[in-house]
Amino acid sequence: MRDFAALSAALLLTLGALSGCARQEPAPAPAPPRALTIHAERGQSQTQQDRDKSDCQSIASGQATSSEGWAQTFTSCMTARGYSVQ
C-alpha cells in the first residue's frame, strides 16, 4: 500500500509539473486588412469597373491564404485590367 501511495504522489507531482509546460501564449491578432484605392487608367465605365472589381475579388478570394496575399492577388488582377491600385 505504501508503494501505491508513493507512486500516486509522484505521478501527481509529475502531471502538475507537465501541465505548466503545456501553457502557450495566445497568437497575436492579425493585422487589419488595408483599404485599397482603385483608379481606372483606360477610361473604363463604372459598369466595367464593377465587373472587373468583382472578378478580381473572386480570383483573389480563391487563391489567397492571407489578407496580404489577397491584396497582392487583387492588385495584380486589377493592374492587368488597366487600373492603378494603391
C-alpha atoms as a PDB file:
ATOM      1  CA  MET A   1       0.000   0.000   0.000  1.00  0.00           C
ATOM      2  CA  ARG A   2       2.901   2.332   0.744  1.00  0.00           C
ATOM      3  CA  ASP A   3       4.329   1.828  -2.732  1.00  0.00           C
ATOM      4  CA  PHE A   4       0.969   2.715  -4.260  1.00  0.00           C
ATOM      5  CA  ALA A   5       0.721   5.929  -2.229  1.00  0.00           C
ATOM      6  CA  ALA A   6       4.285   6.926  -3.156  1.00  0.00           C
ATOM      7  CA  LEU A   7       3.666   6.138  -6.804  1.00  0.00           C
ATOM      8  CA  SER A   8       0.411   8.134  -6.798  1.00  0.00           C
ATOM      9  CA  ALA A   9       2.131  11.125  -5.192  1.00  0.00           C
ATOM     10  CA  ALA A  10       4.979  11.003  -7.720  1.00  0.00           C
ATOM     11  CA  LEU A  11       2.516  10.754 -10.574  1.00  0.00           C
ATOM     12  CA  LEU A  12       0.534  13.752  -9.325  1.00  0.00           C
ATOM     13  CA  LEU A  13       3.709  15.833  -8.971  1.00  0.00           C
ATOM     14  CA  THR A  14       4.840  14.896 -12.478  1.00  0.00           C
ATOM     15  CA  LEU A  15       1.464  15.685 -14.028  1.00  0.00           C
ATOM     16  CA  GLY A  16       1.322  19.001 -12.183  1.00  0.00           C
ATOM     17  CA  ALA A  17       4.756  19.963 -13.480  1.00  0.00           C
ATOM     18  CA  LEU A  18       3.892  18.938 -17.035  1.00  0.00           C
ATOM     19  CA  SER A  19       0.617  20.846 -17.051  1.00  0.00           C
ATOM     20  CA  GLY A  20       2.579  24.062 -16.506  1.00  0.00           C
ATOM     21  CA  CYS A  21       4.665  23.319 -19.601  1.00  0.00           C
ATOM     22  CA  ALA A  22       1.655  22.949 -21.852  1.00  0.00           C
ATOM     23  CA  ARG A  23       0.528  26.545 -21.494  1.00  0.00           C
ATOM     24  CA  GLN A  24       1.052  28.652 -24.569  1.00  0.00           C
ATOM     25  CA  GLU A  25       0.601  32.331 -25.099  1.00  0.00           C
ATOM     26  CA  PRO A  26      -2.224  33.232 -27.487  1.00  0.00           C
ATOM     27  CA  ALA A  27      -1.191  34.097 -31.024  1.00  0.00           C
ATOM     28  CA  PRO A  28      -1.099  37.815 -31.792  1.00  0.00           C
ATOM     29  CA  ALA A  29      -4.094  39.191 -33.658  1.00  0.00           C
ATOM     30  CA  PRO A  30      -3.581  39.522 -37.428  1.00  0.00           C
ATOM     31  CA  ALA A  31      -3.139  42.992 -38.853  1.00  0.00           C
ATOM     32  CA  PRO A  32      -6.337  44.510 -40.195  1.00  0.00           C
ATOM     33  CA  PRO A  33      -6.671  44.474 -43.970  1.00  0.00           C
ATOM     34  CA  ARG A  34      -5.609  47.675 -45.646  1.00  0.00           C
ATOM     35  CA  ALA A  35      -8.007  49.724 -47.738  1.00  0.00           C
ATOM     36  CA  LEU A  36      -7.268  49.761 -51.463  1.00  0.00           C
ATOM     37  CA  THR A  37      -7.939  52.724 -53.746  1.00  0.00           C
ATOM     38  CA  ILE A  38      -8.681  51.895 -57.393  1.00  0.00           C
ATOM     39  CA  HIS A  39      -8.367  54.289 -60.352  1.00  0.00           C
ATOM     40  CA  ALA A  40      -9.386  53.455 -63.924  1.00  0.00           C
ATOM     41  CA  GLU A  41      -6.420  54.180 -66.221  1.00  0.00           C
ATOM     42  CA  ARG A  42      -8.128  53.375 -69.530  1.00  0.00           C
ATOM     43  CA  GLY A  43     -11.439  55.215 -69.121  1.00  0.00           C
ATOM     44  CA  GLN A  44     -13.406  52.101 -68.138  1.00  0.00           C
ATOM     45  CA  SER A  45     -17.116  52.712 -67.488  1.00  0.00           C
ATOM     46  CA  GLN A  46     -18.489  52.291 -63.976  1.00  0.00           C
ATOM     47  CA  THR A  47     -20.219  49.088 -65.112  1.00  0.00           C
ATOM     48  CA  GLN A  48     -16.900  47.709 -66.388  1.00  0.00           C
ATOM     49  CA  GLN A  49     -15.116  48.790 -63.190  1.00  0.00           C
ATOM     50  CA  ASP A  50     -17.713  46.997 -61.068  1.00  0.00           C
ATOM     51  CA  ARG A  51     -17.416  43.837 -63.180  1.00  0.00           C
ATOM     52  CA  ASP A  52     -13.602  43.866 -63.083  1.00  0.00           C
ATOM     53  CA  LYS A  53     -13.572  44.506 -59.340  1.00  0.00           C
ATOM     54  CA  SER A  54     -15.991  41.639 -58.719  1.00  0.00           C
ATOM     55  CA  ASP A  55     -13.989  39.272 -60.947  1.00  0.00           C
ATOM     56  CA  CYS A  56     -10.696  40.179 -59.272  1.00  0.00           C
ATOM     57  CA  GLN A  57     -12.203  39.830 -55.793  1.00  0.00           C
ATOM     58  CA  SER A  58     -13.373  36.324 -56.681  1.00  0.00           C
ATOM     59  CA  ILE A  59      -9.971  35.374 -58.076  1.00  0.00           C
ATOM     60  CA  ALA A  60      -8.147  36.750 -55.018  1.00  0.00           C
ATOM     61  CA  SER A  61     -10.515  35.013 -52.605  1.00  0.00           C
ATOM     62  CA  GLY A  62      -9.987  31.706 -54.386  1.00  0.00           C
ATOM     63  CA  GLN A  63      -6.193  31.891 -54.403  1.00  0.00           C
ATOM     64  CA  ALA A  64      -5.041  33.807 -51.332  1.00  0.00           C
ATOM     65  CA  THR A  65      -4.247  32.294 -47.948  1.00  0.00           C
ATOM     66  CA  SER A  66      -3.814  35.591 -46.067  1.00  0.00           C
ATOM     67  CA  SER A  67      -5.087  39.156 -46.248  1.00  0.00           C
ATOM     68  CA  GLU A  68      -1.731  40.315 -47.606  1.00  0.00           C
ATOM     69  CA  GLY A  69      -1.808  37.580 -50.250  1.00  0.00           C
ATOM     70  CA  TRP A  70      -5.355  38.562 -51.133  1.00  0.00           C
ATOM     71  CA  ALA A  71      -4.321  42.218 -51.617  1.00  0.00           C
ATOM     72  CA  GLN A  72      -1.385  41.191 -53.826  1.00  0.00           C
ATOM     73  CA  THR A  73      -3.520  38.910 -55.999  1.00  0.00           C
ATOM     74  CA  PHE A  74      -6.298  41.500 -56.285  1.00  0.00           C
ATOM     75  CA  THR A  75      -3.820  44.260 -57.159  1.00  0.00           C
ATOM     76  CA  SER A  76      -2.162  42.134 -59.854  1.00  0.00           C
ATOM     77  CA  CYS A  77      -5.529  41.273 -61.385  1.00  0.00           C
ATOM     78  CA  MET A  78      -6.743  44.874 -61.427  1.00  0.00           C
ATOM     79  CA  THR A  79      -3.427  46.172 -62.782  1.00  0.00           C
ATOM     80  CA  ALA A  80      -3.609  43.678 -65.645  1.00  0.00           C
ATOM     81  CA  ARG A  81      -7.068  45.052 -66.477  1.00  0.00           C
ATOM     82  CA  GLY A  82      -5.881  48.647 -66.674  1.00  0.00           C
ATOM     83  CA  TYR A  83      -6.313  50.041 -63.169  1.00  0.00           C
ATOM     84  CA  SER A  84      -3.903  51.559 -60.694  1.00  0.00           C
ATOM     85  CA  VAL A  85      -4.320  50.240 -57.159  1.00  0.00           C
ATOM     86  CA  GLN A  86      -2.906  51.861 -54.048  1.00  0.00           C
END
